[in-house]
Amino acid sequence: MCIAHNLKKIHKHSVCKEGGEFSAMMRRNYEQSLAFLTSFKERVAEKIKNILFKSIISISSSLEGELAAI
């Protein structure tokens, strides 16, 4: 019931005259959140890629050392 009540309040603010400002604020918040999440996703993906690359280099170096010992 509380969620429905809050959704009604948000809808009311988004359609009234003052809601124009509210809608613009919500749109800005959405755009800022989307930009942050996109940036965060790219940074995390880059870090994971670096970790995997270093792991592969480390494993291949270990294998080369073992093969040289044989």
PDB file of N, CA and C in Angstrom:
ATOM      1  N   MET A   1       0.828  -1.189   0.000  1.00  0.00           N
ATOM      2  CA  MET A   1       0.000   0.000   0.000  1.00  0.00           C
ATOM      3  C   MET A   1       0.870   1.249   0.000  1.00  0.00           C
ATOM      4  N   CYS A   2       1.967   1.196   0.741  1.00  0.00           N
ATOM      5  CA  CYS A   2       2.853   2.367   0.812  1.00  0.00           C
ATOM      6  C   CYS A   2       3.492   2.651  -0.544  1.00  0.00           C
ATOM      7  N   ILE A   3       3.894   1.590  -1.238  1.00  0.00           N
ATOM      8  CA  ILE A   3       4.511   1.769  -2.558  1.00  0.00           C
ATOM      9  C   ILE A   3       3.503   2.400  -3.514  1.00  0.00           C
ATOM     10  N   ALA A   4       2.269   1.901  -3.503  1.00  0.00           N
ATOM     11  CA  ALA A   4       1.235   2.455  -4.380  1.00  0.00           C
ATOM     12  C   ALA A   4       0.992   3.917  -4.048  1.00  0.00           C
ATOM     13  N   HIS A   5       0.942   4.249  -2.773  1.00  0.00           N
ATOM     14  CA  HIS A   5       0.726   5.634  -2.344  1.00  0.00           C
ATOM     15  C   HIS A   5       1.861   6.532  -2.853  1.00  0.00           C
ATOM     16  N   ASN A   6       3.099   6.063  -2.697  1.00  0.00           N
ATOM     17  CA  ASN A   6       4.238   6.864  -3.148  1.00  0.00           C
ATOM     18  C   ASN A   6       4.260   7.007  -4.665  1.00  0.00           C
ATOM     19  N   LEU A   7       3.888   5.953  -5.385  1.00  0.00           N
ATOM     20  CA  LEU A   7       3.818   6.050  -6.847  1.00  0.00           C
ATOM     21  C   LEU A   7       2.759   7.063  -7.275  1.00  0.00           C
ATOM     22  N   LYS A   8       1.633   7.086  -6.582  1.00  0.00           N
ATOM     23  CA  LYS A   8       0.600   8.085  -6.881  1.00  0.00           C
ATOM     24  C   LYS A   8       1.128   9.496  -6.649  1.00  0.00           C
ATOM     25  N   LYS A   9       1.888   9.695  -5.575  1.00  0.00           N
ATOM     26  CA  LYS A   9       2.452  11.015  -5.288  1.00  0.00           C
ATOM     27  C   LYS A   9       3.442  11.433  -6.376  1.00  0.00           C
ATOM     28  N   ILE A  10       4.279  10.492  -6.796  1.00  0.00           N
ATOM     29  CA  ILE A  10       5.250  10.790  -7.848  1.00  0.00           C
ATOM     30  C   ILE A  10       4.522  11.139  -9.141  1.00  0.00           C
ATOM     31  N   HIS A  11       3.490  10.373  -9.478  1.00  0.00           N
ATOM     32  CA  HIS A  11       2.730  10.644 -10.689  1.00  0.00           C
ATOM     33  C   HIS A  11       2.082  12.027 -10.610  1.00  0.00           C
ATOM     34  N   LYS A  12       1.510  12.349  -9.460  1.00  0.00           N
ATOM     35  CA  LYS A  12       0.858  13.649  -9.284  1.00  0.00           C
ATOM     36  C   LYS A  12       1.861  14.779  -9.499  1.00  0.00           C
ATOM     37  N   HIS A  13       3.052  14.643  -8.955  1.00  0.00           N
ATOM     38  CA  HIS A  13       4.053  15.688  -9.102  1.00  0.00           C
ATOM     39  C   HIS A  13       4.558  15.785 -10.542  1.00  0.00           C
ATOM     40  N   SER A  14       4.556  14.676 -11.249  1.00  0.00           N
ATOM     41  CA  SER A  14       5.094  14.695 -12.608  1.00  0.00           C
ATOM     42  C   SER A  14       4.118  15.304 -13.612  1.00  0.00           C
ATOM     43  N   VAL A  15       2.818  15.359 -13.295  1.00  0.00           N
ATOM     44  CA  VAL A  15       1.861  15.904 -14.251  1.00  0.00           C
ATOM     45  C   VAL A  15       1.383  17.310 -13.903  1.00  0.00           C
ATOM     46  N   CYS A  16       1.596  17.792 -12.693  1.00  0.00           N
ATOM     47  CA  CYS A  16       1.159  19.142 -12.348  1.00  0.00           C
ATOM     48  C   CYS A  16       2.198  20.162 -12.817  1.00  0.00           C
ATOM     49  N   LYS A  17       1.879  21.455 -12.718  1.00  0.00           N
ATOM     50  CA  LYS A  17       2.791  22.504 -13.181  1.00  0.00           C
ATOM     51  C   LYS A  17       4.142  22.404 -12.488  1.00  0.00           C
ATOM     52  N   GLU A  18       4.122  22.226 -11.184  1.00  0.00           N
ATOM     53  CA  GLU A  18       5.365  22.098 -10.442  1.00  0.00           C
ATOM     54  C   GLU A  18       6.082  20.808 -10.804  1.00  0.00           C
ATOM     55  N   GLY A  19       5.304  19.856 -11.301  1.00  0.00           N
ATOM     56  CA  GLY A  19       5.869  18.571 -11.675  1.00  0.00           C
ATOM     57  C   GLY A  19       6.829  18.662 -12.844  1.00  0.00           C
ATOM     58  N   GLY A  20       6.703  19.725 -13.654  1.00  0.00           N
ATOM     59  CA  GLY A  20       7.634  19.901 -14.751  1.00  0.00           C
ATOM     60  C   GLY A  20       9.056  19.969 -14.238  1.00  0.00           C
ATOM     61  N   GLU A  21       9.245  20.710 -13.155  1.00  0.00           N
ATOM     62  CA  GLU A  21      10.558  20.788 -12.529  1.00  0.00           C
ATOM     63  C   GLU A  21      10.937  19.439 -11.927  1.00  0.00           C
ATOM     64  N   PHE A  22       9.955  18.787 -11.320  1.00  0.00           N
ATOM     65  CA  PHE A  22      10.202  17.476 -10.719  1.00  0.00           C
ATOM     66  C   PHE A  22      10.612  16.477 -11.796  1.00  0.00           C
ATOM     67  N   SER A  23       9.882  16.474 -12.915  1.00  0.00           N
ATOM     68  CA  SER A  23      10.203  15.561 -14.011  1.00  0.00           C
ATOM     69  C   SER A  23      11.595  15.839 -14.563  1.00  0.00           C
ATOM     70  N   ALA A  24      11.931  17.119 -14.696  1.00  0.00           N
ATOM     71  CA  ALA A  24      13.260  17.474 -15.199  1.00  0.00           C
ATOM     72  C   ALA A  24      14.338  16.997 -14.233  1.00  0.00           C
ATOM     73  N   MET A  25      14.075  17.151 -12.932  1.00  0.00           N
ATOM     74  CA  MET A  25      15.034  16.693 -11.932  1.00  0.00           C
ATOM     75  C   MET A  25      15.197  15.179 -12.004  1.00  0.00           C
ATOM     76  N   MET A  26      14.081  14.464 -12.135  1.00  0.00           N
ATOM     77  CA  MET A  26      14.145  13.009 -12.227  1.00  0.00           C
ATOM     78  C   MET A  26      14.902  12.577 -13.477  1.00  0.00           C
ATOM     79  N   ARG A  27      14.681  13.289 -14.587  1.00  0.00           N
ATOM     80  CA  ARG A  27      15.372  12.973 -15.838  1.00  0.00           C
ATOM     81  C   ARG A  27      16.879  13.196 -15.685  1.00  0.00           C
ATOM     82  N   ARG A  28      17.264  14.312 -15.044  1.00  0.00           N
ATOM     83  CA  ARG A  28      18.693  14.596 -14.805  1.00  0.00           C
ATOM     84  C   ARG A  28      19.302  13.524 -13.917  1.00  0.00           C
ATOM     85  N   ASN A  29      18.596  13.148 -12.853  1.00  0.00           N
ATOM     86  CA  ASN A  29      19.104  12.101 -11.964  1.00  0.00           C
ATOM     87  C   ASN A  29      19.280  10.797 -12.712  1.00  0.00           C
ATOM     88  N   TYR A  30      18.319  10.467 -13.575  1.00  0.00           N
ATOM     89  CA  TYR A  30      18.408   9.239 -14.356  1.00  0.00           C
ATOM     90  C   TYR A  30      19.628   9.290 -15.285  1.00  0.00           C
ATOM     91  N   GLU A  31      19.803  10.414 -15.967  1.00  0.00           N
ATOM     92  CA  GLU A  31      20.924  10.551 -16.902  1.00  0.00           C
ATOM     93  C   GLU A  31      22.258  10.494 -16.163  1.00  0.00           C
ATOM     94  N   GLN A  32      22.338  11.140 -15.001  1.00  0.00           N
ATOM     95  CA  GLN A  32      23.574  11.103 -14.216  1.00  0.00           C
ATOM     96  C   GLN A  32      23.850   9.691 -13.707  1.00  0.00           C
ATOM     97  N   SER A  33      22.807   9.008 -13.256  1.00  0.00           N
ATOM     98  CA  SER A  33      22.975   7.635 -12.772  1.00  0.00           C
ATOM     99  C   SER A  33      23.419   6.718 -13.905  1.00  0.00           C
ATOM    100  N   LEU A  34      22.824   6.893 -15.071  1.00  0.00           N
ATOM    101  CA  LEU A  34      23.187   6.077 -16.223  1.00  0.00           C
ATOM    102  C   LEU A  34      24.639   6.318 -16.624  1.00  0.00           C
ATOM    103  N   ALA A  35      25.061   7.589 -16.628  1.00  0.00           N
ATOM    104  CA  ALA A  35      26.450   7.915 -16.976  1.00  0.00           C
ATOM    105  C   ALA A  35      27.407   7.302 -15.958  1.00  0.00           C
ATOM    106  N   PHE A  36      27.067   7.391 -14.664  1.00  0.00           N
ATOM    107  CA  PHE A  36      27.917   6.814 -13.625  1.00  0.00           C
ATOM    108  C   PHE A  36      28.033   5.299 -13.785  1.00  0.00           C
ATOM    109  N   LEU A  37      26.889   4.637 -14.000  1.00  0.00           N
ATOM    110  CA  LEU A  37      26.904   3.183 -14.128  1.00  0.00           C
ATOM    111  C   LEU A  37      27.670   2.728 -15.372  1.00  0.00           C
ATOM    112  N   THR A  38      27.531   3.466 -16.457  1.00  0.00           N
ATOM    113  CA  THR A  38      28.275   3.137 -17.673  1.00  0.00           C
ATOM    114  C   THR A  38      29.767   3.270 -17.430  1.00  0.00           C
ATOM    115  N   SER A  39      30.165   4.358 -16.804  1.00  0.00           N
ATOM    116  CA  SER A  39      31.575   4.587 -16.494  1.00  0.00           C
ATOM    117  C   SER A  39      32.094   3.508 -15.542  1.00  0.00           C
ATOM    118  N   PHE A  40      31.304   3.175 -14.535  1.00  0.00           N
ATOM    119  CA  PHE A  40      31.691   2.165 -13.560  1.00  0.00           C
ATOM    120  C   PHE A  40      31.874   0.810 -14.236  1.00  0.00           C
ATOM    121  N   LYS A  41      30.935   0.461 -15.122  1.00  0.00           N
ATOM    122  CA  LYS A  41      30.996  -0.813 -15.842  1.00  0.00           C
ATOM    123  C   LYS A  41      32.272  -0.879 -16.690  1.00  0.00           C
ATOM    124  N   GLU A  42      32.607   0.220 -17.354  1.00  0.00           N
ATOM    125  CA  GLU A  42      33.808   0.241 -18.185  1.00  0.00           C
ATOM    126  C   GLU A  42      35.070   0.088 -17.337  1.00  0.00           C
ATOM    127  N   ARG A  43      35.108   0.766 -16.174  1.00  0.00           N
ATOM    128  CA  ARG A  43      36.286   0.662 -15.305  1.00  0.00           C
ATOM    129  C   ARG A  43      36.437  -0.746 -14.744  1.00  0.00           C
ATOM    130  N   VAL A  44      35.333  -1.353 -14.336  1.00  0.00           N
ATOM    131  CA  VAL A  44      35.383  -2.712 -13.791  1.00  0.00           C
ATOM    132  C   VAL A  44      35.812  -3.697 -14.875  1.00  0.00           C
ATOM    133  N   ALA A  45      35.259  -3.539 -16.078  1.00  0.00           N
ATOM    134  CA  ALA A  45      35.631  -4.427 -17.180  1.00  0.00           C
ATOM    135  C   ALA A  45      37.124  -4.306 -17.488  1.00  0.00           C
ATOM    136  N   GLU A  46      37.654  -3.096 -17.467  1.00  0.00           N
ATOM    137  CA  GLU A  46      39.084  -2.878 -17.736  1.00  0.00           C
ATOM    138  C   GLU A  46      39.940  -3.535 -16.647  1.00  0.00           C
ATOM    139  N   LYS A  47      39.532  -3.393 -15.396  1.00  0.00           N
ATOM    140  CA  LYS A  47      40.289  -4.016 -14.298  1.00  0.00           C
ATOM    141  C   LYS A  47      40.268  -5.536 -14.419  1.00  0.00           C
ATOM    142  N   ILE A  48      39.102  -6.100 -14.714  1.00  0.00           N
ATOM    143  CA  ILE A  48      38.997  -7.559 -14.868  1.00  0.00           C
ATOM    144  C   ILE A  48      39.870  -8.028 -16.026  1.00  0.00           C
ATOM    145  N   LYS A  49      39.845  -7.280 -17.123  1.00  0.00           N
ATOM    146  CA  LYS A  49      40.671  -7.634 -18.278  1.00  0.00           C
ATOM    147  C   LYS A  49      42.149  -7.632 -17.901  1.00  0.00           C
ATOM    148  N   ASN A  50      42.577  -6.616 -17.141  1.00  0.00           N
ATOM    149  CA  ASN A  50      43.981  -6.542 -16.700  1.00  0.00           C
ATOM    150  C   ASN A  50      44.344  -7.710 -15.789  1.00  0.00           C
ATOM    151  N   ILE A  51      43.462  -8.044 -14.868  1.00  0.00           N
ATOM    152  CA  ILE A  51      43.727  -9.157 -13.944  1.00  0.00           C
ATOM    153  C   ILE A  51      43.840 -10.462 -14.715  1.00  0.00           C
ATOM    154  N   LEU A  52      42.903 -10.697 -15.650  1.00  0.00           N
ATOM    155  CA  LEU A  52      42.955 -11.926 -16.443  1.00  0.00           C
ATOM    156  C   LEU A  52      44.212 -11.980 -17.299  1.00  0.00           C
ATOM    157  N   PHE A  53      44.593 -10.860 -17.897  1.00  0.00           N
ATOM    158  CA  PHE A  53      45.794 -10.822 -18.725  1.00  0.00           C
ATOM    159  C   PHE A  53      47.034 -11.143 -17.894  1.00  0.00           C
ATOM    160  N   LYS A  54      47.127 -10.542 -16.706  1.00  0.00           N
ATOM    161  CA  LYS A  54      48.275 -10.813 -15.830  1.00  0.00           C
ATOM    162  C   LYS A  54      48.289 -12.272 -15.388  1.00  0.00           C
ATOM    163  N   SER A  55      47.096 -12.826 -15.132  1.00  0.00           N
ATOM    164  CA  SER A  55      47.013 -14.236 -14.735  1.00  0.00           C
ATOM    165  C   SER A  55      47.472 -15.150 -15.865  1.00  0.00           C
ATOM    166  N   ILE A  56      47.058 -14.855 -17.071  1.00  0.00           N
ATOM    167  CA  ILE A  56      47.448 -15.664 -18.225  1.00  0.00           C
ATOM    168  C   ILE A  56      48.960 -15.586 -18.440  1.00  0.00           C
ATOM    169  N   ILE A  57      49.527 -14.385 -18.323  1.00  0.00           N
ATOM    170  CA  ILE A  57      50.974 -14.210 -18.468  1.00  0.00           C
ATOM    171  C   ILE A  57      51.701 -15.006 -17.386  1.00  0.00           C
ATOM    172  N   SER A  58      51.220 -14.930 -16.165  1.00  0.00           N
ATOM    173  CA  SER A  58      51.839 -15.637 -15.052  1.00  0.00           C
ATOM    174  C   SER A  58      51.784 -17.157 -15.261  1.00  0.00           C
ATOM    175  N   ILE A  59      50.629 -17.648 -15.672  1.00  0.00           N
ATOM    176  CA  ILE A  59      50.469 -19.089 -15.895  1.00  0.00           C
ATOM    177  C   ILE A  59      51.355 -19.554 -17.046  1.00  0.00           C
ATOM    178  N   SER A  60      51.367 -18.780 -18.137  1.00  0.00           N
ATOM    179  CA  SER A  60      52.180 -19.197 -19.280  1.00  0.00           C
ATOM    180  C   SER A  60      53.672 -19.151 -18.935  1.00  0.00           C
ATOM    181  N   SER A  61      54.088 -18.180 -18.120  1.00  0.00           N
ATOM    182  CA  SER A  61      55.487 -18.117 -17.685  1.00  0.00           C
ATOM    183  C   SER A  61      55.834 -19.334 -16.815  1.00  0.00           C
ATOM    184  N   SER A  62      54.918 -19.726 -15.966  1.00  0.00           N
ATOM    185  CA  SER A  62      55.132 -20.899 -15.116  1.00  0.00           C
ATOM    186  C   SER A  62      55.233 -22.161 -15.951  1.00  0.00           C
ATOM    187  N   LEU A  63      54.369 -22.276 -16.937  1.00  0.00           N
ATOM    188  CA  LEU A  63      54.390 -23.457 -17.807  1.00  0.00           C
ATOM    189  C   LEU A  63      55.675 -23.509 -18.635  1.00  0.00           C
ATOM    190  N   GLU A  64      56.133 -22.370 -19.108  1.00  0.00           N
ATOM    191  CA  GLU A  64      57.368 -22.336 -19.894  1.00  0.00           C
ATOM    192  C   GLU A  64      58.551 -22.772 -19.027  1.00  0.00           C
ATOM    193  N   GLY A  65      58.554 -22.337 -17.770  1.00  0.00           N
ATOM    194  CA  GLY A  65      59.610 -22.731 -16.857  1.00  0.00           C
ATOM    195  C   GLY A  65      59.589 -24.219 -16.588  1.00  0.00           C
ATOM    196  N   GLU A  66      58.410 -24.802 -16.444  1.00  0.00           N
ATOM    197  CA  GLU A  66      58.280 -26.241 -16.221  1.00  0.00           C
ATOM    198  C   GLU A  66      58.691 -27.023 -17.468  1.00  0.00           C
ATOM    199  N   LEU A  67      58.329 -26.517 -18.637  1.00  0.00           N
ATOM    200  CA  LEU A  67      58.694 -27.206 -19.865  1.00  0.00           C
ATOM    201  C   LEU A  67      60.212 -27.153 -20.100  1.00  0.00           C
ATOM    202  N   ALA A  68      60.833 -26.039 -19.727  1.00  0.00           N
ATOM    203  CA  ALA A  68      62.276 -25.903 -19.903  1.00  0.00           C
ATOM    204  C   ALA A  68      63.008 -26.873 -18.974  1.00  0.00           C
ATOM    205  N   ALA A  69      62.429 -27.171 -17.820  1.00  0.00           N
ATOM    206  CA  ALA A  69      63.065 -28.066 -16.850  1.00  0.00           C
ATOM    207  C   ALA A  69      62.984 -29.517 -17.340  1.00  0.00           C
ATOM    208  N   ILE A  70      62.063 -29.807 -18.223  1.00  0.00           N
ATOM    209  CA  ILE A  70      61.896 -31.184 -18.705  1.00  0.00           C
ATOM    210  C   ILE A  70      62.914 -31.442 -19.717  1.00  0.00           C
TER     211      ILE A  70
END
